[in-house]
PDB file of N, CA and C in Angstrom:
ATOM      1  N   MET A   1     -41.357  40.722  26.186  1.00  0.00           N
ATOM      2  CA  MET A   1     -40.513  39.810  25.574  1.00  0.00           C
ATOM      3  C   MET A   1     -41.272  39.008  24.532  1.00  0.00           C
ATOM      4  N   SER A   2     -40.776  38.991  23.308  1.00  0.00           N
ATOM      5  CA  SER A   2     -41.442  38.195  22.310  1.00  0.00           C
ATOM      6  C   SER A   2     -41.184  36.712  22.406  1.00  0.00           C
ATOM      7  N   PRO A   3     -42.152  35.854  21.827  1.00  0.00           N
ATOM      8  CA  PRO A   3     -41.970  34.485  21.884  1.00  0.00           C
ATOM      9  C   PRO A   3     -40.743  34.047  21.052  1.00  0.00           C
ATOM     10  N   LYS A   4     -40.010  33.034  21.577  1.00  0.00           N
ATOM     11  CA  LYS A   4     -38.847  32.528  20.843  1.00  0.00           C
ATOM     12  C   LYS A   4     -39.396  31.490  19.803  1.00  0.00           C
ATOM     13  N   THR A   5     -38.777  31.474  18.668  1.00  0.00           N
ATOM     14  CA  THR A   5     -39.127  30.489  17.651  1.00  0.00           C
ATOM     15  C   THR A   5     -37.819  29.880  17.188  1.00  0.00           C
ATOM     16  N   PHE A   6     -37.847  28.642  16.781  1.00  0.00           N
ATOM     17  CA  PHE A   6     -36.728  27.864  16.373  1.00  0.00           C
ATOM     18  C   PHE A   6     -37.042  27.124  15.210  1.00  0.00           C
ATOM     19  N   ASP A   7     -35.980  26.712  14.407  1.00  0.00           N
ATOM     20  CA  ASP A   7     -36.068  25.819  13.338  1.00  0.00           C
ATOM     21  C   ASP A   7     -36.492  24.440  13.924  1.00  0.00           C
ATOM     22  N   THR A   8     -37.292  23.725  13.189  1.00  0.00           N
ATOM     23  CA  THR A   8     -37.767  22.343  13.600  1.00  0.00           C
ATOM     24  C   THR A   8     -36.792  21.295  13.040  1.00  0.00           C
ATOM     25  N   THR A   9     -36.678  20.178  13.727  1.00  0.00           N
ATOM     26  CA  THR A   9     -35.904  19.071  13.249  1.00  0.00           C
ATOM     27  C   THR A   9     -36.781  18.296  12.214  1.00  0.00           C
ATOM     28  N   SER A  10     -36.158  17.470  11.492  1.00  0.00           N
ATOM     29  CA  SER A  10     -36.868  16.692  10.452  1.00  0.00           C
ATOM     30  C   SER A  10     -38.070  15.991  11.142  1.00  0.00           C
ATOM     31  N   HIS A  11     -37.863  15.372  12.332  1.00  0.00           N
ATOM     32  CA  HIS A  11     -38.896  14.560  12.983  1.00  0.00           C
ATOM     33  C   HIS A  11     -40.086  15.486  13.241  1.00  0.00           C
ATOM     34  N   ASP A  12     -39.734  16.662  13.828  1.00  0.00           N
ATOM     35  CA  ASP A  12     -40.817  17.639  14.167  1.00  0.00           C
ATOM     36  C   ASP A  12     -41.477  18.181  12.942  1.00  0.00           C
ATOM     37  N   LYS A  13     -40.795  18.306  11.839  1.00  0.00           N
ATOM     38  CA  LYS A  13     -41.407  18.776  10.606  1.00  0.00           C
ATOM     39  C   LYS A  13     -42.502  17.723  10.207  1.00  0.00           C
ATOM     40  N   ASP A  14     -42.135  16.373  10.397  1.00  0.00           N
ATOM     41  CA  ASP A  14     -43.113  15.361  10.027  1.00  0.00           C
ATOM     42  C   ASP A  14     -44.385  15.481  10.816  1.00  0.00           C
ATOM     43  N   ILE A  15     -44.293  15.890  12.085  1.00  0.00           N
ATOM     44  CA  ILE A  15     -45.463  16.102  12.887  1.00  0.00           C
ATOM     45  C   ILE A  15     -46.233  17.239  12.391  1.00  0.00           C
ATOM     46  N   LEU A  16     -45.555  18.310  12.073  1.00  0.00           N
ATOM     47  CA  LEU A  16     -46.157  19.497  11.462  1.00  0.00           C
ATOM     48  C   LEU A  16     -46.826  19.187  10.160  1.00  0.00           C
ATOM     49  N   LEU A  17     -46.191  18.537   9.262  1.00  0.00           N
ATOM     50  CA  LEU A  17     -46.797  18.233   7.969  1.00  0.00           C
ATOM     51  C   LEU A  17     -47.918  17.259   8.048  1.00  0.00           C
ATOM     52  N   SER A  18     -47.980  16.381   9.091  1.00  0.00           N
ATOM     53  CA  SER A  18     -49.058  15.456   9.195  1.00  0.00           C
ATOM     54  C   SER A  18     -50.322  16.118   9.665  1.00  0.00           C
ATOM     55  N   SER A  19     -50.204  17.304  10.170  1.00  0.00           N
ATOM     56  CA  SER A  19     -51.358  18.038  10.676  1.00  0.00           C
ATOM     57  C   SER A  19     -51.899  18.988   9.711  1.00  0.00           C
ATOM     58  N   ASN A  20     -52.910  18.659   8.962  1.00  0.00           N
ATOM     59  CA  ASN A  20     -53.446  19.582   7.973  1.00  0.00           C
ATOM     60  C   ASN A  20     -54.516  20.463   8.513  1.00  0.00           C
ATOM     61  N   ASP A  21     -54.904  20.253   9.771  1.00  0.00           N
ATOM     62  CA  ASP A  21     -55.933  21.066  10.433  1.00  0.00           C
ATOM     63  C   ASP A  21     -55.222  21.934  11.451  1.00  0.00           C
ATOM     64  N   ASP A  22     -55.228  23.244  11.193  1.00  0.00           N
ATOM     65  CA  ASP A  22     -54.482  24.143  11.983  1.00  0.00           C
ATOM     66  C   ASP A  22     -54.911  24.136  13.422  1.00  0.00           C
ATOM     67  N   GLU A  23     -56.157  23.716  13.732  1.00  0.00           N
ATOM     68  CA  GLU A  23     -56.740  23.682  15.042  1.00  0.00           C
ATOM     69  C   GLU A  23     -56.385  22.360  15.802  1.00  0.00           C
ATOM     70  N   LYS A  24     -55.830  21.426  15.080  1.00  0.00           N
ATOM     71  CA  LYS A  24     -55.519  20.138  15.706  1.00  0.00           C
ATOM     72  C   LYS A  24     -54.396  20.336  16.774  1.00  0.00           C
ATOM     73  N   LYS A  25     -54.604  19.734  17.915  1.00  0.00           N
ATOM     74  CA  LYS A  25     -53.705  19.863  19.057  1.00  0.00           C
ATOM     75  C   LYS A  25     -53.041  18.529  19.251  1.00  0.00           C
ATOM     76  N   VAL A  26     -51.817  18.662  19.799  1.00  0.00           N
ATOM     77  CA  VAL A  26     -51.015  17.459  20.125  1.00  0.00           C
ATOM     78  C   VAL A  26     -50.513  17.536  21.602  1.00  0.00           C
ATOM     79  N   ARG A  27     -50.009  16.438  22.104  1.00  0.00           N
ATOM     80  CA  ARG A  27     -49.495  16.295  23.365  1.00  0.00           C
ATOM     81  C   ARG A  27     -48.073  15.671  23.348  1.00  0.00           C
ATOM     82  N   ALA A  28     -47.125  16.318  24.015  1.00  0.00           N
ATOM     83  CA  ALA A  28     -45.717  15.794  24.009  1.00  0.00           C
ATOM     84  C   ALA A  28     -45.324  15.520  25.467  1.00  0.00           C
ATOM     85  N   HIS A  29     -44.707  14.434  25.722  1.00  0.00           N
ATOM     86  CA  HIS A  29     -44.193  14.096  27.077  1.00  0.00           C
ATOM     87  C   HIS A  29     -42.608  14.172  26.834  1.00  0.00           C
ATOM     88  N   ILE A  30     -41.997  15.137  27.459  1.00  0.00           N
ATOM     89  CA  ILE A  30     -40.670  15.543  27.192  1.00  0.00           C
ATOM     90  C   ILE A  30     -39.751  15.233  28.371  1.00  0.00           C
ATOM     91  N   PHE A  31     -38.608  14.598  28.162  1.00  0.00           N
ATOM     92  CA  PHE A  31     -37.544  14.476  29.217  1.00  0.00           C
ATOM     93  C   PHE A  31     -36.296  15.088  28.740  1.00  0.00           C
ATOM     94  N   VAL A  32     -35.751  15.983  29.500  1.00  0.00           N
ATOM     95  CA  VAL A  32     -34.545  16.726  29.263  1.00  0.00           C
ATOM     96  C   VAL A  32     -33.426  16.233  30.094  1.00  0.00           C
ATOM     97  N   ASN A  33     -32.361  15.842  29.463  1.00  0.00           N
ATOM     98  CA  ASN A  33     -31.130  15.249  30.173  1.00  0.00           C
ATOM     99  C   ASN A  33     -29.944  16.168  30.147  1.00  0.00           C
ATOM    100  N   GLY A  34     -29.103  16.231  31.218  1.00  0.00           N
ATOM    101  CA  GLY A  34     -27.928  17.100  31.192  1.00  0.00           C
ATOM    102  C   GLY A  34     -27.878  17.917  32.492  1.00  0.00           C
ATOM    103  N   LYS A  35     -27.173  18.972  32.437  1.00  0.00           N
ATOM    104  CA  LYS A  35     -27.189  19.884  33.612  1.00  0.00           C
ATOM    105  C   LYS A  35     -28.405  20.762  33.430  1.00  0.00           C
ATOM    106  N   VAL A  36     -29.569  20.363  33.944  1.00  0.00           N
ATOM    107  CA  VAL A  36     -30.792  21.056  33.749  1.00  0.00           C
ATOM    108  C   VAL A  36     -31.522  21.397  35.030  1.00  0.00           C
ATOM    109  N   GLN A  37     -30.846  21.078  36.196  1.00  0.00           N
ATOM    110  CA  GLN A  37     -31.522  21.454  37.407  1.00  0.00           C
ATOM    111  C   GLN A  37     -30.564  22.528  38.088  1.00  0.00           C
ATOM    112  N   GLY A  38     -31.186  23.399  38.826  1.00  0.00           N
ATOM    113  CA  GLY A  38     -30.476  24.520  39.442  1.00  0.00           C
ATOM    114  C   GLY A  38     -29.994  25.613  38.480  1.00  0.00           C
ATOM    115  N   VAL A  39     -30.545  25.618  37.294  1.00  0.00           N
ATOM    116  CA  VAL A  39     -30.252  26.655  36.273  1.00  0.00           C
ATOM    117  C   VAL A  39     -31.547  27.404  35.775  1.00  0.00           C
ATOM    118  N   TYR A  40     -32.513  27.258  36.520  1.00  0.00           N
ATOM    119  CA  TYR A  40     -33.703  27.976  36.129  1.00  0.00           C
ATOM    120  C   TYR A  40     -34.446  27.384  34.906  1.00  0.00           C
ATOM    121  N   PHE A  41     -34.226  26.107  34.620  1.00  0.00           N
ATOM    122  CA  PHE A  41     -34.749  25.444  33.462  1.00  0.00           C
ATOM    123  C   PHE A  41     -36.274  25.420  33.497  1.00  0.00           C
ATOM    124  N   ARG A  42     -36.820  25.030  34.661  1.00  0.00           N
ATOM    125  CA  ARG A  42     -38.270  25.016  34.720  1.00  0.00           C
ATOM    126  C   ARG A  42     -38.971  26.385  34.541  1.00  0.00           C
ATOM    127  N   LYS A  43     -38.386  27.392  35.081  1.00  0.00           N
ATOM    128  CA  LYS A  43     -38.908  28.757  35.063  1.00  0.00           C
ATOM    129  C   LYS A  43     -38.855  29.252  33.566  1.00  0.00           C
ATOM    130  N   TYR A  44     -37.839  29.078  32.906  1.00  0.00           N
ATOM    131  CA  TYR A  44     -37.762  29.456  31.520  1.00  0.00           C
ATOM    132  C   TYR A  44     -38.522  28.658  30.578  1.00  0.00           C
ATOM    133  N   THR A  45     -38.653  27.305  30.954  1.00  0.00           N
ATOM    134  CA  THR A  45     -39.614  26.525  30.142  1.00  0.00           C
ATOM    135  C   THR A  45     -40.957  26.991  30.298  1.00  0.00           C
ATOM    136  N   ALA A  46     -41.416  27.291  31.480  1.00  0.00           N
ATOM    137  CA  ALA A  46     -42.833  27.779  31.680  1.00  0.00           C
ATOM    138  C   ALA A  46     -43.021  29.092  30.955  1.00  0.00           C
ATOM    139  N   GLU A  47     -42.040  30.045  30.993  1.00  0.00           N
ATOM    140  CA  GLU A  47     -42.194  31.300  30.237  1.00  0.00           C
ATOM    141  C   GLU A  47     -42.234  31.038  28.784  1.00  0.00           C
ATOM    142  N   THR A  48     -41.421  30.101  28.243  1.00  0.00           N
ATOM    143  CA  THR A  48     -41.461  29.843  26.869  1.00  0.00           C
ATOM    144  C   THR A  48     -42.778  29.158  26.446  1.00  0.00           C
ATOM    145  N   ALA A  49     -43.276  28.255  27.301  1.00  0.00           N
ATOM    146  CA  ALA A  49     -44.561  27.661  27.019  1.00  0.00           C
ATOM    147  C   ALA A  49     -45.696  28.647  26.997  1.00  0.00           C
ATOM    148  N   MET A  50     -45.685  29.539  27.962  1.00  0.00           N
ATOM    149  CA  MET A  50     -46.764  30.513  28.008  1.00  0.00           C
ATOM    150  C   MET A  50     -46.693  31.482  26.768  1.00  0.00           C
ATOM    151  N   GLN A  51     -45.479  31.836  26.405  1.00  0.00           N
ATOM    152  CA  GLN A  51     -45.311  32.715  25.202  1.00  0.00           C
ATOM    153  C   GLN A  51     -45.862  32.101  23.983  1.00  0.00           C
ATOM    154  N   ASN A  52     -45.764  30.787  23.855  1.00  0.00           N
ATOM    155  CA  ASN A  52     -46.169  30.017  22.760  1.00  0.00           C
ATOM    156  C   ASN A  52     -47.614  29.481  22.960  1.00  0.00           C
ATOM    157  N   HIS A  53     -48.288  29.715  23.933  1.00  0.00           N
ATOM    158  CA  HIS A  53     -49.730  29.369  24.196  1.00  0.00           C
ATOM    159  C   HIS A  53     -49.748  27.846  24.400  1.00  0.00           C
ATOM    160  N   VAL A  54     -48.800  27.329  25.037  1.00  0.00           N
ATOM    161  CA  VAL A  54     -48.770  25.872  25.375  1.00  0.00           C
ATOM    162  C   VAL A  54     -49.144  25.664  26.835  1.00  0.00           C
ATOM    163  N   VAL A  55     -49.945  24.689  27.095  1.00  0.00           N
ATOM    164  CA  VAL A  55     -50.411  24.376  28.382  1.00  0.00           C
ATOM    165  C   VAL A  55     -49.798  23.041  28.862  1.00  0.00           C
ATOM    166  N   GLY A  56     -49.690  22.880  30.291  1.00  0.00           N
ATOM    167  CA  GLY A  56     -49.160  21.588  30.706  1.00  0.00           C
ATOM    168  C   GLY A  56     -48.326  21.897  32.021  1.00  0.00           C
ATOM    169  N   TRP A  57     -47.277  21.210  32.207  1.00  0.00           N
ATOM    170  CA  TRP A  57     -46.554  21.307  33.413  1.00  0.00           C
ATOM    171  C   TRP A  57     -45.065  20.899  33.142  1.00  0.00           C
ATOM    172  N   VAL A  58     -44.212  21.334  34.095  1.00  0.00           N
ATOM    173  CA  VAL A  58     -42.717  21.001  34.007  1.00  0.00           C
ATOM    174  C   VAL A  58     -42.294  20.729  35.497  1.00  0.00           C
ATOM    175  N   LYS A  59     -41.454  19.732  35.677  1.00  0.00           N
ATOM    176  CA  LYS A  59     -40.933  19.450  36.990  1.00  0.00           C
ATOM    177  C   LYS A  59     -39.550  18.850  36.929  1.00  0.00           C
ATOM    178  N   ASN A  60     -38.811  18.969  38.027  1.00  0.00           N
ATOM    179  CA  ASN A  60     -37.567  18.267  38.256  1.00  0.00           C
ATOM    180  C   ASN A  60     -37.809  16.748  38.604  1.00  0.00           C
ATOM    181  N   LEU A  61     -36.963  15.915  38.118  1.00  0.00           N
ATOM    182  CA  LEU A  61     -36.994  14.535  38.623  1.00  0.00           C
ATOM    183  C   LEU A  61     -35.838  14.211  39.445  1.00  0.00           C
ATOM    184  N   ILE A  62     -36.085  13.285  40.397  1.00  0.00           N
ATOM    185  CA  ILE A  62     -34.979  12.948  41.322  1.00  0.00           C
ATOM    186  C   ILE A  62     -33.746  12.463  40.625  1.00  0.00           C
ATOM    187  N   ASP A  63     -33.787  11.900  39.483  1.00  0.00           N
ATOM    188  CA  ASP A  63     -32.584  11.410  38.670  1.00  0.00           C
ATOM    189  C   ASP A  63     -31.872  12.609  38.020  1.00  0.00           C
ATOM    190  N   GLY A  64     -32.202  13.841  38.229  1.00  0.00           N
ATOM    191  CA  GLY A  64     -31.519  14.933  37.612  1.00  0.00           C
ATOM    192  C   GLY A  64     -32.127  15.393  36.302  1.00  0.00           C
ATOM    193  N   ARG A  65     -33.098  14.773  35.783  1.00  0.00           N
ATOM    194  CA  ARG A  65     -33.641  15.189  34.491  1.00  0.00           C
ATOM    195  C   ARG A  65     -34.866  16.182  34.843  1.00  0.00           C
ATOM    196  N   VAL A  66     -35.289  16.827  33.724  1.00  0.00           N
ATOM    197  CA  VAL A  66     -36.501  17.643  33.843  1.00  0.00           C
ATOM    198  C   VAL A  66     -37.547  16.951  32.946  1.00  0.00           C
ATOM    199  N   GLU A  67     -38.804  16.896  33.490  1.00  0.00           N
ATOM    200  CA  GLU A  67     -39.914  16.222  32.708  1.00  0.00           C
ATOM    201  C   GLU A  67     -40.879  17.343  32.455  1.00  0.00           C
ATOM    202  N   CYS A  68     -41.497  17.249  31.328  1.00  0.00           N
ATOM    203  CA  CYS A  68     -42.535  18.274  30.964  1.00  0.00           C
ATOM    204  C   CYS A  68     -43.586  17.587  30.140  1.00  0.00           C
ATOM    205  N   VAL A  69     -44.869  17.846  30.290  1.00  0.00           N
ATOM    206  CA  VAL A  69     -45.924  17.421  29.568  1.00  0.00           C
ATOM    207  C   VAL A  69     -46.539  18.656  29.034  1.00  0.00           C
ATOM    208  N   ALA A  70     -46.701  18.710  27.718  1.00  0.00           N
ATOM    209  CA  ALA A  70     -47.216  19.940  26.989  1.00  0.00           C
ATOM    210  C   ALA A  70     -48.235  19.636  25.959  1.00  0.00           C
ATOM    211  N   GLU A  71     -49.275  20.552  25.899  1.00  0.00           N
ATOM    212  CA  GLU A  71     -50.316  20.370  24.911  1.00  0.00           C
ATOM    213  C   GLU A  71     -50.461  21.709  24.172  1.00  0.00           C
ATOM    214  N   GLY A  72     -50.638  21.505  22.857  1.00  0.00           N
ATOM    215  CA  GLY A  72     -50.878  22.799  22.046  1.00  0.00           C
ATOM    216  C   GLY A  72     -50.887  22.365  20.557  1.00  0.00           C
ATOM    217  N   ARG A  73     -50.908  23.381  19.701  1.00  0.00           N
ATOM    218  CA  ARG A  73     -50.851  23.088  18.296  1.00  0.00           C
ATOM    219  C   ARG A  73     -49.360  22.642  17.922  1.00  0.00           C
ATOM    220  N   PRO A  74     -49.259  21.938  16.896  1.00  0.00           N
ATOM    221  CA  PRO A  74     -47.933  21.349  16.622  1.00  0.00           C
ATOM    222  C   PRO A  74     -46.776  22.370  16.508  1.00  0.00           C
ATOM    223  N   TYR A  75     -47.009  23.434  15.911  1.00  0.00           N
ATOM    224  CA  TYR A  75     -45.931  24.464  15.831  1.00  0.00           C
ATOM    225  C   TYR A  75     -45.613  25.001  17.146  1.00  0.00           C
ATOM    226  N   GLN A  76     -46.619  25.147  18.088  1.00  0.00           N
ATOM    227  CA  GLN A  76     -46.261  25.622  19.369  1.00  0.00           C
ATOM    228  C   GLN A  76     -45.500  24.677  20.101  1.00  0.00           C
ATOM    229  N   ILE A  77     -45.837  23.332  20.138  1.00  0.00           N
ATOM    230  CA  ILE A  77     -45.143  22.286  20.709  1.00  0.00           C
ATOM    231  C   ILE A  77     -43.704  22.221  20.225  1.00  0.00           C
ATOM    232  N   ASN A  78     -43.549  22.253  18.957  1.00  0.00           N
ATOM    233  CA  ASN A  78     -42.177  22.283  18.376  1.00  0.00           C
ATOM    234  C   ASN A  78     -41.401  23.414  18.773  1.00  0.00           C
ATOM    235  N   ASN A  79     -41.950  24.584  18.973  1.00  0.00           N
ATOM    236  CA  ASN A  79     -41.143  25.763  19.498  1.00  0.00           C
ATOM    237  C   ASN A  79     -40.737  25.415  20.905  1.00  0.00           C
ATOM    238  N   LEU A  80     -41.539  24.830  21.724  1.00  0.00           N
ATOM    239  CA  LEU A  80     -41.168  24.546  23.058  1.00  0.00           C
ATOM    240  C   LEU A  80     -40.064  23.411  23.078  1.00  0.00           C
ATOM    241  N   ILE A  81     -40.213  22.391  22.290  1.00  0.00           N
ATOM    242  CA  ILE A  81     -39.277  21.298  22.184  1.00  0.00           C
ATOM    243  C   ILE A  81     -37.893  21.924  21.817  1.00  0.00           C
ATOM    244  N   ASN A  82     -37.910  22.734  20.784  1.00  0.00           N
ATOM    245  CA  ASN A  82     -36.637  23.243  20.266  1.00  0.00           C
ATOM    246  C   ASN A  82     -36.011  24.158  21.323  1.00  0.00           C
ATOM    247  N   TRP A  83     -36.817  24.856  22.125  1.00  0.00           N
ATOM    248  CA  TRP A  83     -36.253  25.668  23.201  1.00  0.00           C
ATOM    249  C   TRP A  83     -35.639  24.745  24.270  1.00  0.00           C
ATOM    250  N   CYS A  84     -36.285  23.588  24.607  1.00  0.00           N
ATOM    251  CA  CYS A  84     -35.768  22.626  25.522  1.00  0.00           C
ATOM    252  C   CYS A  84     -34.412  22.069  25.058  1.00  0.00           C
ATOM    253  N   ARG A  85     -34.210  21.951  23.814  1.00  0.00           N
ATOM    254  CA  ARG A  85     -32.948  21.481  23.284  1.00  0.00           C
ATOM    255  C   ARG A  85     -31.765  22.433  23.540  1.00  0.00           C
ATOM    256  N   ILE A  86     -32.098  23.654  23.841  1.00  0.00           N
ATOM    257  CA  ILE A  86     -31.099  24.708  24.057  1.00  0.00           C
ATOM    258  C   ILE A  86     -31.054  25.073  25.482  1.00  0.00           C
ATOM    259  N   GLY A  87     -32.212  25.295  26.118  1.00  0.00           N
ATOM    260  CA  GLY A  87     -32.350  25.641  27.528  1.00  0.00           C
ATOM    261  C   GLY A  87     -31.789  27.021  27.848  1.00  0.00           C
ATOM    262  N   PRO A  88     -31.875  27.370  29.128  1.00  0.00           N
ATOM    263  CA  PRO A  88     -31.432  28.675  29.609  1.00  0.00           C
ATOM    264  C   PRO A  88     -29.850  28.769  29.544  1.00  0.00           C
ATOM    265  N   PRO A  89     -29.324  29.960  29.729  1.00  0.00           N
ATOM    266  CA  PRO A  89     -27.802  30.164  29.556  1.00  0.00           C
ATOM    267  C   PRO A  89     -26.957  29.165  30.287  1.00  0.00           C
ATOM    268  N   ASN A  90     -27.225  28.832  31.517  1.00  0.00           N
ATOM    269  CA  ASN A  90     -26.281  28.022  32.370  1.00  0.00           C
ATOM    270  C   ASN A  90     -26.582  26.495  32.228  1.00  0.00           C
ATOM    271  N   ALA A  91     -27.603  26.183  31.400  1.00  0.00           N
ATOM    272  CA  ALA A  91     -27.893  24.691  31.248  1.00  0.00           C
ATOM    273  C   ALA A  91     -26.938  24.106  30.195  1.00  0.00           C
ATOM    274  N   ILE A  92     -26.787  22.765  30.375  1.00  0.00           N
ATOM    275  CA  ILE A  92     -26.082  22.063  29.351  1.00  0.00           C
ATOM    276  C   ILE A  92     -26.978  20.824  29.062  1.00  0.00           C
ATOM    277  N   VAL A  93     -27.621  20.924  27.890  1.00  0.00           N
ATOM    278  CA  VAL A  93     -28.593  19.917  27.441  1.00  0.00           C
ATOM    279  C   VAL A  93     -27.852  18.788  26.737  1.00  0.00           C
ATOM    280  N   ASN A  94     -27.909  17.576  27.247  1.00  0.00           N
ATOM    281  CA  ASN A  94     -27.203  16.448  26.522  1.00  0.00           C
ATOM    282  C   ASN A  94     -28.185  15.805  25.595  1.00  0.00           C
ATOM    283  N   SER A  95     -29.442  15.660  25.902  1.00  0.00           N
ATOM    284  CA  SER A  95     -30.441  15.036  25.073  1.00  0.00           C
ATOM    285  C   SER A  95     -31.813  15.425  25.486  1.00  0.00           C
ATOM    286  N   VAL A  96     -32.760  15.246  24.488  1.00  0.00           N
ATOM    287  CA  VAL A  96     -34.121  15.571  24.824  1.00  0.00           C
ATOM    288  C   VAL A  96     -34.931  14.340  24.263  1.00  0.00           C
ATOM    289  N   ASP A  97     -35.636  13.656  25.112  1.00  0.00           N
ATOM    290  CA  ASP A  97     -36.487  12.489  24.698  1.00  0.00           C
ATOM    291  C   ASP A  97     -37.861  12.952  24.670  1.00  0.00           C
ATOM    292  N   ILE A  98     -38.600  12.711  23.534  1.00  0.00           N
ATOM    293  CA  ILE A  98     -39.975  13.131  23.312  1.00  0.00           C
ATOM    294  C   ILE A  98     -40.856  11.926  22.925  1.00  0.00           C
ATOM    295  N   ASN A  99     -41.970  11.752  23.651  1.00  0.00           N
ATOM    296  CA  ASN A  99     -42.958  10.851  23.365  1.00  0.00           C
ATOM    297  C   ASN A  99     -44.285  11.596  23.071  1.00  0.00           C
ATOM    298  N   TYR A 100     -44.764  11.447  21.779  1.00  0.00           N
ATOM    299  CA  TYR A 100     -46.036  12.028  21.486  1.00  0.00           C
ATOM    300  C   TYR A 100     -47.157  11.062  21.919  1.00  0.00           C
ATOM    301  N   GLU A 101     -48.109  11.727  22.581  1.00  0.00           N
ATOM    302  CA  GLU A 101     -49.221  10.937  23.186  1.00  0.00           C
ATOM    303  C   GLU A 101     -50.527  11.518  22.667  1.00  0.00           C
ATOM    304  N   PRO A 102     -51.654  10.798  22.752  1.00  0.00           N
ATOM    305  CA  PRO A 102     -52.966  11.351  22.341  1.00  0.00           C
ATOM    306  C   PRO A 102     -53.230  12.639  23.201  1.00  0.00           C
ATOM    307  N   TYR A 103     -53.748  13.646  22.378  1.00  0.00           N
ATOM    308  CA  TYR A 103     -54.196  14.921  22.996  1.00  0.00           C
ATOM    309  C   TYR A 103     -55.344  14.647  23.972  1.00  0.00           C
ATOM    310  N   ILE A 104     -55.238  15.160  25.175  1.00  0.00           N
ATOM    311  CA  ILE A 104     -56.321  15.015  26.163  1.00  0.00           C
ATOM    312  C   ILE A 104     -57.079  16.235  26.482  1.00  0.00           C
ATOM    313  N   GLY A 105     -56.304  17.380  26.485  1.00  0.00           N
ATOM    314  CA  GLY A 105     -57.037  18.615  26.730  1.00  0.00           C
ATOM    315  C   GLY A 105     -57.291  18.889  28.202  1.00  0.00           C
ATOM    316  N   GLU A 106     -56.404  18.401  29.090  1.00  0.00           N
ATOM    317  CA  GLU A 106     -56.678  18.399  30.504  1.00  0.00           C
ATOM    318  C   GLU A 106     -56.141  19.635  31.213  1.00  0.00           C
ATOM    319  N   PHE A 107     -55.372  20.517  30.512  1.00  0.00           N
ATOM    320  CA  PHE A 107     -54.781  21.654  31.094  1.00  0.00           C
ATOM    321  C   PHE A 107     -55.387  22.932  30.700  1.00  0.00           C
ATOM    322  N   SER A 108     -55.404  23.935  31.618  1.00  0.00           N
ATOM    323  CA  SER A 108     -55.813  25.282  31.232  1.00  0.00           C
ATOM    324  C   SER A 108     -54.697  26.311  31.322  1.00  0.00           C
ATOM    325  N   ASP A 109     -53.568  25.939  31.848  1.00  0.00           N
ATOM    326  CA  ASP A 109     -52.404  26.825  31.922  1.00  0.00           C
ATOM    327  C   ASP A 109     -51.179  25.985  32.013  1.00  0.00           C
ATOM    328  N   PHE A 110     -50.075  26.629  32.236  1.00  0.00           N
ATOM    329  CA  PHE A 110     -48.740  25.915  32.289  1.00  0.00           C
ATOM    330  C   PHE A 110     -48.174  26.182  33.641  1.00  0.00           C
ATOM    331  N   ILE A 111     -47.845  25.100  34.440  1.00  0.00           N
ATOM    332  CA  ILE A 111     -47.383  25.317  35.828  1.00  0.00           C
ATOM    333  C   ILE A 111     -45.991  24.615  36.000  1.00  0.00           C
ATOM    334  N   VAL A 112     -45.231  25.225  36.980  1.00  0.00           N
ATOM    335  CA  VAL A 112     -43.989  24.637  37.406  1.00  0.00           C
ATOM    336  C   VAL A 112     -44.309  23.775  38.701  1.00  0.00           C
ATOM    337  N   SER A 113     -43.907  22.557  38.646  1.00  0.00           N
ATOM    338  CA  SER A 113     -44.176  21.678  39.713  1.00  0.00           C
ATOM    339  C   SER A 113     -42.769  21.092  40.263  1.00  0.00           C
ATOM    340  N   GLY A 114     -42.816  20.413  41.457  1.00  0.00           N
ATOM    341  CA  GLY A 114     -41.757  19.759  42.004  1.00  0.00           C
ATOM    342  C   GLY A 114     -40.408  20.231  41.514  1.00  0.00           C
TER     343      GLY A 114
END
């Protein structure tokens, strides 16, 4: 299966354009709201992250949201974020909240948690 790619939003394009170093990595803390539990959202998020060479984790929250922390190059993170806006076939994504944080480099792979 080939990696999914998506058009970026204007905010995400700003992140891309501000990175003139192709090797620069970023960190995004993502919260997905809607019907996102019980629809394999975490599984497909992990697959999409790995296809895009993104590392980090994804988990369900008790309030019904999905939380994800992801690190990678800006275009890789944007691909993952744009996938989260759509989700798997049975998901209904109402909103995606993104906080960009300083890159830490603490992950070596992408895991599904909680």
